[in-house]
Amino acid sequence: MRFLSHLLVLLVVLIHGWFMILEMILWNHPVGQRIFEMTPEFSASSAVLAANQGLYNGFLAAGLLWGLFAGRRDVKVFFLACIVIAGVYGGVTAKTTILYVQALPALVALLLVAFAPATTRRSTL
């Protein structure tokens, strides 16, 4: 079960890495405009806000990687819980699909991390 929990945490890392790329790099690109269903005018006027969101998504991914490589369950639980909360908030206030794309994978990973056998290795960080 621990391997599966690591795998799902990595999936969440990839999802949030992709969000970071979309929001920081591809926001004003036709790919980003199509994915987020935006006009070029809207994407141009909201690019700074999107880049800020992208940076936060990058921090979430980095925090999960830190938890994975340091063997820190508490760190993984913290960042996954943040993602679940943000995903539920976004799903309720912005777009329902956020519940399935962001909150659900993080929730499944959180449950697996919480119930996976504890690792005996501990980082000195």
C-alpha atoms as a PDB file:
ATOM      1  CA  MET A   1       0.000   0.000   0.000  1.00  0.00           C
ATOM      2  CA  ARG A   2       2.939   2.348   0.644  1.00  0.00           C
ATOM      3  CA  PHE A   3       4.080   1.990  -2.981  1.00  0.00           C
ATOM      4  CA  LEU A   4       0.586   2.870  -4.188  1.00  0.00           C
ATOM      5  CA  SER A   5       0.478   5.897  -1.881  1.00  0.00           C
ATOM      6  CA  HIS A   6       3.832   7.084  -3.287  1.00  0.00           C
ATOM      7  CA  LEU A   7       2.548   6.557  -6.806  1.00  0.00           C
ATOM      8  CA  LEU A   8      -0.591   8.600  -6.170  1.00  0.00           C
ATOM      9  CA  VAL A   9       1.374  11.382  -4.500  1.00  0.00           C
ATOM     10  CA  LEU A  10       3.564  11.479  -7.613  1.00  0.00           C
ATOM     11  CA  LEU A  11       0.434  11.693  -9.745  1.00  0.00           C
ATOM     12  CA  VAL A  12      -0.722  14.703  -7.712  1.00  0.00           C
ATOM     13  CA  VAL A  13       2.757  16.236  -8.138  1.00  0.00           C
ATOM     14  CA  LEU A  14       2.465  15.810 -11.909  1.00  0.00           C
ATOM     15  CA  ILE A  15      -1.039  17.286 -11.942  1.00  0.00           C
ATOM     16  CA  HIS A  16       0.106  20.372 -10.041  1.00  0.00           C
ATOM     17  CA  GLY A  17       3.266  20.655 -12.119  1.00  0.00           C
ATOM     18  CA  TRP A  18       1.028  20.685 -15.190  1.00  0.00           C
ATOM     19  CA  PHE A  19      -1.203  23.337 -13.588  1.00  0.00           C
ATOM     20  CA  MET A  20       1.900  25.426 -12.939  1.00  0.00           C
ATOM     21  CA  ILE A  21       2.966  25.161 -16.596  1.00  0.00           C
ATOM     22  CA  LEU A  22      -0.540  25.979 -17.818  1.00  0.00           C
ATOM     23  CA  GLU A  23      -0.932  28.985 -15.570  1.00  0.00           C
ATOM     24  CA  MET A  24       2.585  30.415 -15.780  1.00  0.00           C
ATOM     25  CA  ILE A  25       3.647  29.585 -19.340  1.00  0.00           C
ATOM     26  CA  LEU A  26       0.665  28.576 -21.482  1.00  0.00           C
ATOM     27  CA  TRP A  27      -1.963  30.992 -20.155  1.00  0.00           C
ATOM     28  CA  ASN A  28      -1.673  33.372 -23.142  1.00  0.00           C
ATOM     29  CA  HIS A  29      -1.046  30.532 -25.596  1.00  0.00           C
ATOM     30  CA  PRO A  30      -3.885  29.004 -27.655  1.00  0.00           C
ATOM     31  CA  VAL A  31      -3.492  25.767 -25.650  1.00  0.00           C
ATOM     32  CA  GLY A  32      -4.164  27.537 -22.351  1.00  0.00           C
ATOM     33  CA  GLN A  33      -6.953  29.597 -23.845  1.00  0.00           C
ATOM     34  CA  ARG A  34      -8.647  26.461 -25.152  1.00  0.00           C
ATOM     35  CA  ILE A  35      -8.259  24.492 -21.912  1.00  0.00           C
ATOM     36  CA  PHE A  36      -9.599  27.342 -19.769  1.00  0.00           C
ATOM     37  CA  GLU A  37     -12.134  28.447 -22.412  1.00  0.00           C
ATOM     38  CA  MET A  38     -10.834  32.037 -22.524  1.00  0.00           C
ATOM     39  CA  THR A  39     -10.667  34.748 -25.107  1.00  0.00           C
ATOM     40  CA  PRO A  40      -7.226  36.187 -25.898  1.00  0.00           C
ATOM     41  CA  GLU A  41      -8.344  39.446 -24.265  1.00  0.00           C
ATOM     42  CA  PHE A  42      -9.334  37.738 -21.019  1.00  0.00           C
ATOM     43  CA  SER A  43      -6.144  35.671 -20.871  1.00  0.00           C
ATOM     44  CA  ALA A  44      -4.045  38.809 -21.416  1.00  0.00           C
ATOM     45  CA  SER A  45      -5.854  40.743 -18.695  1.00  0.00           C
ATOM     46  CA  SER A  46      -5.642  37.879 -16.159  1.00  0.00           C
ATOM     47  CA  ALA A  47      -2.119  36.606 -16.914  1.00  0.00           C
ATOM     48  CA  VAL A  48      -0.548  38.060 -13.760  1.00  0.00           C
ATOM     49  CA  LEU A  49      -3.189  36.439 -11.547  1.00  0.00           C
ATOM     50  CA  ALA A  50      -2.787  33.123 -13.366  1.00  0.00           C
ATOM     51  CA  ALA A  51       0.987  33.219 -12.949  1.00  0.00           C
ATOM     52  CA  ASN A  52       0.489  33.752  -9.216  1.00  0.00           C
ATOM     53  CA  GLN A  53      -1.818  30.718  -9.073  1.00  0.00           C
ATOM     54  CA  GLY A  54       0.737  28.742 -11.058  1.00  0.00           C
ATOM     55  CA  LEU A  55       3.443  29.627  -8.579  1.00  0.00           C
ATOM     56  CA  TYR A  56       1.288  28.350  -5.719  1.00  0.00           C
ATOM     57  CA  ASN A  57       0.670  25.105  -7.607  1.00  0.00           C
ATOM     58  CA  GLY A  58       4.424  24.761  -8.056  1.00  0.00           C
ATOM     59  CA  PHE A  59       4.914  25.201  -4.307  1.00  0.00           C
ATOM     60  CA  LEU A  60       2.324  22.490  -3.622  1.00  0.00           C
ATOM     61  CA  ALA A  61       4.114  20.100  -5.987  1.00  0.00           C
ATOM     62  CA  ALA A  62       7.490  20.957  -4.420  1.00  0.00           C
ATOM     63  CA  GLY A  63       6.119  20.348  -0.932  1.00  0.00           C
ATOM     64  CA  LEU A  64       4.836  16.925  -1.935  1.00  0.00           C
ATOM     65  CA  LEU A  65       8.206  16.054  -3.482  1.00  0.00           C
ATOM     66  CA  TRP A  66       9.903  17.136  -0.271  1.00  0.00           C
ATOM     67  CA  GLY A  67       7.577  14.871   1.714  1.00  0.00           C
ATOM     68  CA  LEU A  68       8.254  11.946  -0.622  1.00  0.00           C
ATOM     69  CA  PHE A  69      12.031  12.229  -0.731  1.00  0.00           C
ATOM     70  CA  ALA A  70      12.394  13.027   2.966  1.00  0.00           C
ATOM     71  CA  GLY A  71      10.056  10.194   3.947  1.00  0.00           C
ATOM     72  CA  ARG A  72       7.879  12.667   5.853  1.00  0.00           C
ATOM     73  CA  ARG A  73       4.285  11.510   6.155  1.00  0.00           C
ATOM     74  CA  ASP A  74       3.346  14.696   8.036  1.00  0.00           C
ATOM     75  CA  VAL A  75       4.567  16.860   5.155  1.00  0.00           C
ATOM     76  CA  LYS A  76       2.670  14.810   2.586  1.00  0.00           C
ATOM     77  CA  VAL A  77      -0.493  14.933   4.697  1.00  0.00           C
ATOM     78  CA  PHE A  78      -0.210  18.706   5.093  1.00  0.00           C
ATOM     79  CA  PHE A  79       0.240  19.447   1.384  1.00  0.00           C
ATOM     80  CA  LEU A  80      -2.381  16.917   0.276  1.00  0.00           C
ATOM     81  CA  ALA A  81      -4.875  18.377   2.760  1.00  0.00           C
ATOM     82  CA  CYS A  82      -4.150  21.871   1.396  1.00  0.00           C
ATOM     83  CA  ILE A  83      -4.821  20.605  -2.130  1.00  0.00           C
ATOM     84  CA  VAL A  84      -8.068  18.892  -1.114  1.00  0.00           C
ATOM     85  CA  ILE A  85      -9.315  22.052   0.611  1.00  0.00           C
ATOM     86  CA  ALA A  86      -8.334  24.248  -2.347  1.00  0.00           C
ATOM     87  CA  GLY A  87      -9.945  21.784  -4.753  1.00  0.00           C
ATOM     88  CA  VAL A  88     -13.217  21.694  -2.836  1.00  0.00           C
ATOM     89  CA  TYR A  89     -13.258  25.489  -2.614  1.00  0.00           C
ATOM     90  CA  GLY A  90     -12.529  25.813  -6.338  1.00  0.00           C
ATOM     91  CA  GLY A  91     -15.117  23.185  -7.189  1.00  0.00           C
ATOM     92  CA  VAL A  92     -17.795  25.014  -5.217  1.00  0.00           C
ATOM     93  CA  THR A  93     -16.887  28.577  -6.232  1.00  0.00           C
ATOM     94  CA  ALA A  94     -15.367  28.322  -9.714  1.00  0.00           C
ATOM     95  CA  LYS A  95     -15.913  25.117 -11.688  1.00  0.00           C
ATOM     96  CA  THR A  96     -17.289  21.737 -10.606  1.00  0.00           C
ATOM     97  CA  THR A  97     -14.683  19.784 -12.580  1.00  0.00           C
ATOM     98  CA  ILE A  98     -12.017  21.046 -10.142  1.00  0.00           C
ATOM     99  CA  LEU A  99     -13.485  18.593  -7.634  1.00  0.00           C
ATOM    100  CA  TYR A 100     -12.583  15.686  -9.922  1.00  0.00           C
ATOM    101  CA  VAL A 101      -9.322  16.958 -11.388  1.00  0.00           C
ATOM    102  CA  GLN A 102      -7.749  18.387  -8.237  1.00  0.00           C
ATOM    103  CA  ALA A 103      -9.566  17.413  -5.052  1.00  0.00           C
ATOM    104  CA  LEU A 104     -10.359  13.759  -5.788  1.00  0.00           C
ATOM    105  CA  PRO A 105      -6.813  12.588  -6.699  1.00  0.00           C
ATOM    106  CA  ALA A 106      -5.423  14.441  -3.673  1.00  0.00           C
ATOM    107  CA  LEU A 107      -8.083  12.951  -1.391  1.00  0.00           C
ATOM    108  CA  VAL A 108      -7.349   9.403  -2.563  1.00  0.00           C
ATOM    109  CA  ALA A 109      -3.606  10.017  -2.129  1.00  0.00           C
ATOM    110  CA  LEU A 110      -4.231  11.504   1.325  1.00  0.00           C
ATOM    111  CA  LEU A 111      -6.205   8.461   2.428  1.00  0.00           C
ATOM    112  CA  LEU A 112      -3.526   6.099   1.123  1.00  0.00           C
ATOM    113  CA  VAL A 113      -0.754   8.083   2.809  1.00  0.00           C
ATOM    114  CA  ALA A 114      -2.700   8.150   6.074  1.00  0.00           C
ATOM    115  CA  PHE A 115      -3.350   4.409   6.081  1.00  0.00           C
ATOM    116  CA  ALA A 116      -0.074   3.174   4.551  1.00  0.00           C
ATOM    117  CA  PRO A 117       2.370   1.545   6.946  1.00  0.00           C
ATOM    118  CA  ALA A 118       4.791   4.085   8.389  1.00  0.00           C
ATOM    119  CA  THR A 119       8.289   4.140   6.986  1.00  0.00           C
ATOM    120  CA  THR A 120      11.171   3.689   9.391  1.00  0.00           C
ATOM    121  CA  ARG A 121      13.501   6.023   7.492  1.00  0.00           C
ATOM    122  CA  ARG A 122      13.583   9.616   8.729  1.00  0.00           C
ATOM    123  CA  SER A 123      15.324  12.604   7.195  1.00  0.00           C
ATOM    124  CA  THR A 124      17.455  14.989   9.206  1.00  0.00           C
ATOM    125  CA  LEU A 125      15.828  18.014   7.535  1.00  0.00           C
END
